[in-house]
Amino acid sequence: MKIAICGSMYFSKEMLDTKSRLEKMGHIVSVPSDIHDCVKNPELSMDMEHCLRTNVQEECFDSVANSDAILVLNYDKKGIEGYIGGATLMEIGIAQHFKKKIFLLYPPPKIEDIRYSLEIQLAKPAILNGDLNLLS
């Protein structure tokens, strides 16, 4: 399966580890092209100049459109369980629009923590509960 990994760039190291694991399982996996820069400096994902220069948002949208599925790495962040940020929400929306499979590594955040958790749940993602072997 061709899988686009999505999530906060604060999880860049985890994205690279997951990419490697999925490739060993036989999947074709894409991650954002600036991932190595973000491993060194996760704050780059919040740098407007960097994002405009690298055009990473459009690239990620294309990656979602050209995949069979997305895998959202939604680890805990800032005290929010299953954190999903705004950019990842947009990627989920694109995946839903193009009828791609949507997988969340963990359950989505509570609506009390992130208002748009409802929209995430409406996309009907499959929850892996941390088990990559459930990808199908």
C-alpha atoms as a PDB file:
ATOM      1  CA  MET A   1       0.000   0.000   0.000  1.00  0.00           C
ATOM      2  CA  LYS A   2       1.174   3.542  -0.716  1.00  0.00           C
ATOM      3  CA  ILE A   3       0.978   5.473   2.565  1.00  0.00           C
ATOM      4  CA  ALA A   4       1.508   9.176   3.307  1.00  0.00           C
ATOM      5  CA  ILE A   5       2.574   9.785   6.885  1.00  0.00           C
ATOM      6  CA  CYS A   6       1.024  12.903   8.400  1.00  0.00           C
ATOM      7  CA  GLY A   7       1.299  14.614  11.767  1.00  0.00           C
ATOM      8  CA  SER A   8       2.999  17.355  13.685  1.00  0.00           C
ATOM      9  CA  MET A   9       6.569  17.921  12.570  1.00  0.00           C
ATOM     10  CA  TYR A  10       7.480  17.757  16.250  1.00  0.00           C
ATOM     11  CA  PHE A  11       7.199  14.017  15.592  1.00  0.00           C
ATOM     12  CA  SER A  12       9.731  14.038  12.724  1.00  0.00           C
ATOM     13  CA  LYS A  13      11.976  11.408  14.315  1.00  0.00           C
ATOM     14  CA  GLU A  14       8.969   9.162  14.875  1.00  0.00           C
ATOM     15  CA  MET A  15       7.905   9.701  11.249  1.00  0.00           C
ATOM     16  CA  LEU A  16      11.274   8.488   9.989  1.00  0.00           C
ATOM     17  CA  ASP A  17      11.185   5.464  12.307  1.00  0.00           C
ATOM     18  CA  THR A  18       7.626   4.622  11.219  1.00  0.00           C
ATOM     19  CA  LYS A  19       8.556   5.064   7.545  1.00  0.00           C
ATOM     20  CA  SER A  20      11.371   2.555   7.957  1.00  0.00           C
ATOM     21  CA  ARG A  21       9.133   0.068   9.767  1.00  0.00           C
ATOM     22  CA  LEU A  22       6.388   0.337   7.147  1.00  0.00           C
ATOM     23  CA  GLU A  23       8.838  -0.072   4.279  1.00  0.00           C
ATOM     24  CA  LYS A  24      10.134  -3.262   5.905  1.00  0.00           C
ATOM     25  CA  MET A  25       6.491  -4.427   5.890  1.00  0.00           C
ATOM     26  CA  GLY A  26       6.364  -3.854   2.112  1.00  0.00           C
ATOM     27  CA  HIS A  27       4.606  -0.473   1.979  1.00  0.00           C
ATOM     28  CA  ILE A  28       5.636   2.511  -0.123  1.00  0.00           C
ATOM     29  CA  VAL A  29       5.822   5.457   2.262  1.00  0.00           C
ATOM     30  CA  SER A  30       6.101   9.215   1.841  1.00  0.00           C
ATOM     31  CA  VAL A  31       6.989  11.805   4.460  1.00  0.00           C
ATOM     32  CA  PRO A  32       7.376  15.587   4.129  1.00  0.00           C
ATOM     33  CA  SER A  33      10.493  16.544   2.174  1.00  0.00           C
ATOM     34  CA  ASP A  34      11.714  18.859   4.932  1.00  0.00           C
ATOM     35  CA  ILE A  35      11.619  16.122   7.537  1.00  0.00           C
ATOM     36  CA  HIS A  36      15.397  15.985   8.081  1.00  0.00           C
ATOM     37  CA  ASP A  37      15.481  19.749   8.631  1.00  0.00           C
ATOM     38  CA  CYS A  38      12.611  19.421  11.123  1.00  0.00           C
ATOM     39  CA  VAL A  39      14.379  16.621  12.998  1.00  0.00           C
ATOM     40  CA  LYS A  40      17.149  19.138  13.656  1.00  0.00           C
ATOM     41  CA  ASN A  41      14.741  22.012  14.326  1.00  0.00           C
ATOM     42  CA  PRO A  42      11.052  21.146  14.883  1.00  0.00           C
ATOM     43  CA  GLU A  43      10.228  24.865  15.107  1.00  0.00           C
ATOM     44  CA  LEU A  44      10.750  25.127  11.319  1.00  0.00           C
ATOM     45  CA  SER A  45       7.220  23.829  10.841  1.00  0.00           C
ATOM     46  CA  MET A  46       5.985  27.085  12.373  1.00  0.00           C
ATOM     47  CA  ASP A  47       8.338  29.295  10.311  1.00  0.00           C
ATOM     48  CA  MET A  48       6.307  30.988   7.562  1.00  0.00           C
ATOM     49  CA  GLU A  49       9.387  31.770   5.455  1.00  0.00           C
ATOM     50  CA  HIS A  50      10.543  28.143   5.574  1.00  0.00           C
ATOM     51  CA  CYS A  51       7.080  26.816   4.709  1.00  0.00           C
ATOM     52  CA  LEU A  52       6.696  29.198   1.766  1.00  0.00           C
ATOM     53  CA  ARG A  53      10.219  28.542   0.481  1.00  0.00           C
ATOM     54  CA  THR A  54       9.866  24.751   0.607  1.00  0.00           C
ATOM     55  CA  ASN A  55       6.194  24.717  -0.483  1.00  0.00           C
ATOM     56  CA  VAL A  56       5.829  21.821   1.926  1.00  0.00           C
ATOM     57  CA  GLN A  57       2.080  22.248   2.443  1.00  0.00           C
ATOM     58  CA  GLU A  58       1.231  21.792  -1.232  1.00  0.00           C
ATOM     59  CA  GLU A  59       3.694  18.919  -1.458  1.00  0.00           C
ATOM     60  CA  CYS A  60       2.010  17.179   1.484  1.00  0.00           C
ATOM     61  CA  PHE A  61      -1.418  17.675  -0.079  1.00  0.00           C
ATOM     62  CA  ASP A  62      -0.145  16.115  -3.322  1.00  0.00           C
ATOM     63  CA  SER A  63       1.332  13.234  -1.350  1.00  0.00           C
ATOM     64  CA  VAL A  64      -2.054  12.572   0.265  1.00  0.00           C
ATOM     65  CA  ALA A  65      -3.834  12.755  -3.097  1.00  0.00           C
ATOM     66  CA  ASN A  66      -1.356  10.296  -4.644  1.00  0.00           C
ATOM     67  CA  SER A  67      -1.472   7.742  -1.824  1.00  0.00           C
ATOM     68  CA  ASP A  68      -3.776   4.850  -1.032  1.00  0.00           C
ATOM     69  CA  ALA A  69      -3.979   5.879   2.603  1.00  0.00           C
ATOM     70  CA  ILE A  70      -2.705   8.283   5.212  1.00  0.00           C
ATOM     71  CA  LEU A  71      -1.314   7.381   8.590  1.00  0.00           C
ATOM     72  CA  VAL A  72      -1.599  10.133  11.163  1.00  0.00           C
ATOM     73  CA  LEU A  73       1.002   9.925  13.911  1.00  0.00           C
ATOM     74  CA  ASN A  74      -1.003  11.536  16.673  1.00  0.00           C
ATOM     75  CA  TYR A  75       1.124  11.224  19.777  1.00  0.00           C
ATOM     76  CA  ASP A  76       0.470  13.263  22.909  1.00  0.00           C
ATOM     77  CA  LYS A  77       1.612  16.878  22.622  1.00  0.00           C
ATOM     78  CA  LYS A  78       1.179  19.908  24.865  1.00  0.00           C
ATOM     79  CA  GLY A  79      -0.814  17.816  27.326  1.00  0.00           C
ATOM     80  CA  ILE A  80      -3.310  16.751  24.645  1.00  0.00           C
ATOM     81  CA  GLU A  81      -3.741  13.015  24.094  1.00  0.00           C
ATOM     82  CA  GLY A  82      -3.805  12.040  20.411  1.00  0.00           C
ATOM     83  CA  TYR A  83      -2.843  15.552  19.277  1.00  0.00           C
ATOM     84  CA  ILE A  84      -3.763  16.527  15.707  1.00  0.00           C
ATOM     85  CA  GLY A  85      -2.915  20.029  14.526  1.00  0.00           C
ATOM     86  CA  GLY A  86      -4.504  22.240  11.909  1.00  0.00           C
ATOM     87  CA  ALA A  87      -2.277  21.212   8.993  1.00  0.00           C
ATOM     88  CA  THR A  88      -2.919  17.541   9.699  1.00  0.00           C
ATOM     89  CA  LEU A  89      -6.644  18.245   9.913  1.00  0.00           C
ATOM     90  CA  MET A  90      -6.437  19.655   6.369  1.00  0.00           C
ATOM     91  CA  GLU A  91      -4.595  16.527   5.205  1.00  0.00           C
ATOM     92  CA  ILE A  92      -7.323  14.384   6.762  1.00  0.00           C
ATOM     93  CA  GLY A  93      -9.898  16.463   4.876  1.00  0.00           C
ATOM     94  CA  ILE A  94      -8.082  15.943   1.590  1.00  0.00           C
ATOM     95  CA  ALA A  95      -7.810  12.212   2.245  1.00  0.00           C
ATOM     96  CA  GLN A  96     -11.520  12.080   3.015  1.00  0.00           C
ATOM     97  CA  HIS A  97     -12.383  14.035  -0.134  1.00  0.00           C
ATOM     98  CA  PHE A  98     -10.333  11.667  -2.307  1.00  0.00           C
ATOM     99  CA  LYS A  99     -11.778   8.633  -0.483  1.00  0.00           C
ATOM    100  CA  LYS A 100      -8.416   7.480   0.860  1.00  0.00           C
ATOM    101  CA  LYS A 101      -8.125   5.197   3.847  1.00  0.00           C
ATOM    102  CA  ILE A 102      -7.434   7.212   6.985  1.00  0.00           C
ATOM    103  CA  PHE A 103      -5.553   5.642   9.868  1.00  0.00           C
ATOM    104  CA  LEU A 104      -4.822   7.249  13.231  1.00  0.00           C
ATOM    105  CA  LEU A 105      -2.068   5.700  15.288  1.00  0.00           C
ATOM    106  CA  TYR A 106      -4.028   6.504  18.458  1.00  0.00           C
ATOM    107  CA  PRO A 107      -7.575   7.676  19.217  1.00  0.00           C
ATOM    108  CA  PRO A 108      -8.316  11.286  18.256  1.00  0.00           C
ATOM    109  CA  PRO A 109      -8.111  14.049  20.850  1.00  0.00           C
ATOM    110  CA  LYS A 110     -11.110  14.761  23.024  1.00  0.00           C
ATOM    111  CA  ILE A 111     -13.438  17.454  21.753  1.00  0.00           C
ATOM    112  CA  GLU A 112     -12.820  19.289  25.044  1.00  0.00           C
ATOM    113  CA  ASP A 113      -9.133  19.526  24.060  1.00  0.00           C
ATOM    114  CA  ILE A 114      -9.465  20.266  20.328  1.00  0.00           C
ATOM    115  CA  ARG A 115     -12.713  21.663  18.978  1.00  0.00           C
ATOM    116  CA  TYR A 116     -12.302  20.093  15.540  1.00  0.00           C
ATOM    117  CA  SER A 117     -12.063  16.585  16.973  1.00  0.00           C
ATOM    118  CA  LEU A 118     -15.623  16.165  15.720  1.00  0.00           C
ATOM    119  CA  GLU A 119     -14.485  16.717  12.113  1.00  0.00           C
ATOM    120  CA  ILE A 120     -11.697  14.179  12.613  1.00  0.00           C
ATOM    121  CA  GLN A 121     -14.196  11.625  13.861  1.00  0.00           C
ATOM    122  CA  LEU A 122     -16.578  12.367  10.964  1.00  0.00           C
ATOM    123  CA  ALA A 123     -13.785  11.270   8.584  1.00  0.00           C
ATOM    124  CA  LYS A 124     -14.258   7.783  10.109  1.00  0.00           C
ATOM    125  CA  PRO A 125     -10.579   6.968  10.619  1.00  0.00           C
ATOM    126  CA  ALA A 126      -9.445   3.500  11.553  1.00  0.00           C
ATOM    127  CA  ILE A 127      -7.749   3.612  14.957  1.00  0.00           C
ATOM    128  CA  LEU A 128      -4.633   1.415  15.188  1.00  0.00           C
ATOM    129  CA  ASN A 129      -4.077   1.794  18.931  1.00  0.00           C
ATOM    130  CA  GLY A 130      -0.335   1.878  18.263  1.00  0.00           C
ATOM    131  CA  ASP A 131      -0.265  -1.372  16.231  1.00  0.00           C
ATOM    132  CA  LEU A 132       1.089  -0.825  12.694  1.00  0.00           C
ATOM    133  CA  ASN A 133       0.275  -4.449  11.878  1.00  0.00           C
ATOM    134  CA  LEU A 134      -3.397  -3.435  11.687  1.00  0.00           C
ATOM    135  CA  LEU A 135      -2.785  -1.425   8.500  1.00  0.00           C
ATOM    136  CA  SER A 136      -4.812  -3.012   5.733  1.00  0.00           C
END
